[in-house]
Amino acid sequence: MSAAMEKLLSGNGRRRRGVVPVYADEWIVSITDVTPLARMSHAHVRDGELDVARRLLPRERPCPVSGEALAHLHR
C-alpha cells in the first residue's frame, strides 16, 4: 500500500482522522443483522420459489450519478 493511501485511511497525526475511523464512527448510524432474512430467502430459492424470495428483498433504488462520474466508470 502506498504511503499516500496509508495516510488517507489512517489519518496523519493526532488531530486528523483517516477515512476509515470517520466512516466507522460517524457515517454508520445502525447495523442490522439480516441473517434470518437471508436464510428465509435462501430456503425459498432452494425450493424453487423465486418470486417469494424476491418479494422478501428490499426494493433497490438507483443512485443518482453525474454524467462525468459515469464516463469515468466506463473508461
Protein backbone atom coordinates (compact mmCIF):
# COMPACT_ATOMS: atom_id res chain seq x y z
CA MET A 1 0.00 0.00 0.00
CA SER A 2 1.33 3.44 -0.88
CA ALA A 3 2.22 5.98 1.79
CA ALA A 4 -0.48 8.32 0.47
CA MET A 5 -3.11 5.60 0.80
CA GLU A 6 -1.91 4.81 4.33
CA LYS A 7 -2.34 8.46 5.32
CA LEU A 8 -5.80 8.63 3.76
CA LEU A 9 -7.01 5.53 5.58
CA SER A 10 -5.39 6.04 8.95
CA GLY A 11 -5.10 9.81 9.24
CA ASN A 12 -2.00 11.87 9.68
CA GLY A 13 -1.04 12.84 13.19
CA ARG A 14 -3.17 13.13 16.29
CA ARG A 15 -5.71 15.71 15.14
CA ARG A 16 -6.53 14.49 11.63
CA ARG A 17 -8.59 11.36 11.27
CA GLY A 18 -8.50 8.95 8.37
CA VAL A 19 -11.41 7.85 6.23
CA VAL A 20 -11.96 4.51 7.93
CA PRO A 21 -12.28 5.83 11.51
CA VAL A 22 -14.60 8.63 10.38
CA TYR A 23 -16.71 6.14 8.39
CA ALA A 24 -16.92 3.73 11.31
CA ASP A 25 -17.57 6.36 13.98
CA GLU A 26 -19.68 8.95 12.18
CA TRP A 27 -21.23 7.69 8.95
CA ILE A 28 -22.56 4.32 10.12
CA VAL A 29 -25.74 5.01 12.05
CA SER A 30 -27.01 1.46 12.52
CA ILE A 31 -26.24 -2.14 11.70
CA THR A 32 -28.97 -4.70 11.16
CA ASP A 33 -28.40 -8.46 11.22
CA VAL A 34 -30.13 -9.79 8.12
CA THR A 35 -29.09 -13.42 8.68
CA PRO A 36 -32.67 -14.64 9.34
CA LEU A 37 -33.90 -12.89 6.19
CA ALA A 38 -31.05 -14.36 4.14
CA ARG A 39 -31.79 -17.85 5.43
CA MET A 40 -35.50 -17.50 4.68
CA SER A 41 -34.79 -16.15 1.21
CA HIS A 42 -32.31 -18.96 0.55
CA ALA A 43 -34.87 -21.56 1.60
CA HIS A 44 -37.37 -20.16 -0.90
CA VAL A 45 -34.74 -20.12 -3.67
CA ARG A 46 -33.74 -23.68 -2.82
CA ASP A 47 -37.40 -24.72 -3.06
CA GLY A 48 -37.76 -23.01 -6.43
CA GLU A 49 -39.99 -20.23 -5.05
CA LEU A 50 -38.07 -17.39 -6.67
CA ASP A 51 -40.97 -14.92 -6.67
CA VAL A 52 -41.48 -15.40 -2.92
CA ALA A 53 -37.75 -14.94 -2.30
CA ARG A 54 -37.66 -11.82 -4.49
CA ARG A 55 -40.52 -10.22 -2.54
CA LEU A 56 -38.56 -10.59 0.70
CA LEU A 57 -35.77 -8.39 -0.58
CA PRO A 58 -35.83 -4.59 -0.26
CA ARG A 59 -36.61 -2.62 -3.40
CA GLU A 60 -33.45 -1.23 -4.97
CA ARG A 61 -33.37 2.42 -5.90
CA PRO A 62 -30.99 3.86 -8.48
CA CYS A 63 -28.32 6.12 -7.08
CA PRO A 64 -28.06 9.43 -8.93
CA VAL A 65 -24.66 9.75 -10.62
CA SER A 66 -23.34 12.61 -12.71
CA GLY A 67 -22.52 12.08 -16.37
CA GLU A 68 -18.88 12.82 -15.61
CA ALA A 69 -18.72 10.08 -12.99
CA LEU A 70 -20.40 7.61 -15.34
CA ALA A 71 -17.95 8.46 -18.12
CA HIS A 72 -15.08 7.80 -15.72
CA LEU A 73 -16.54 4.42 -14.75
CA HIS A 74 -16.91 3.36 -18.38
CA ARG A 75 -13.25 4.03 -19.27
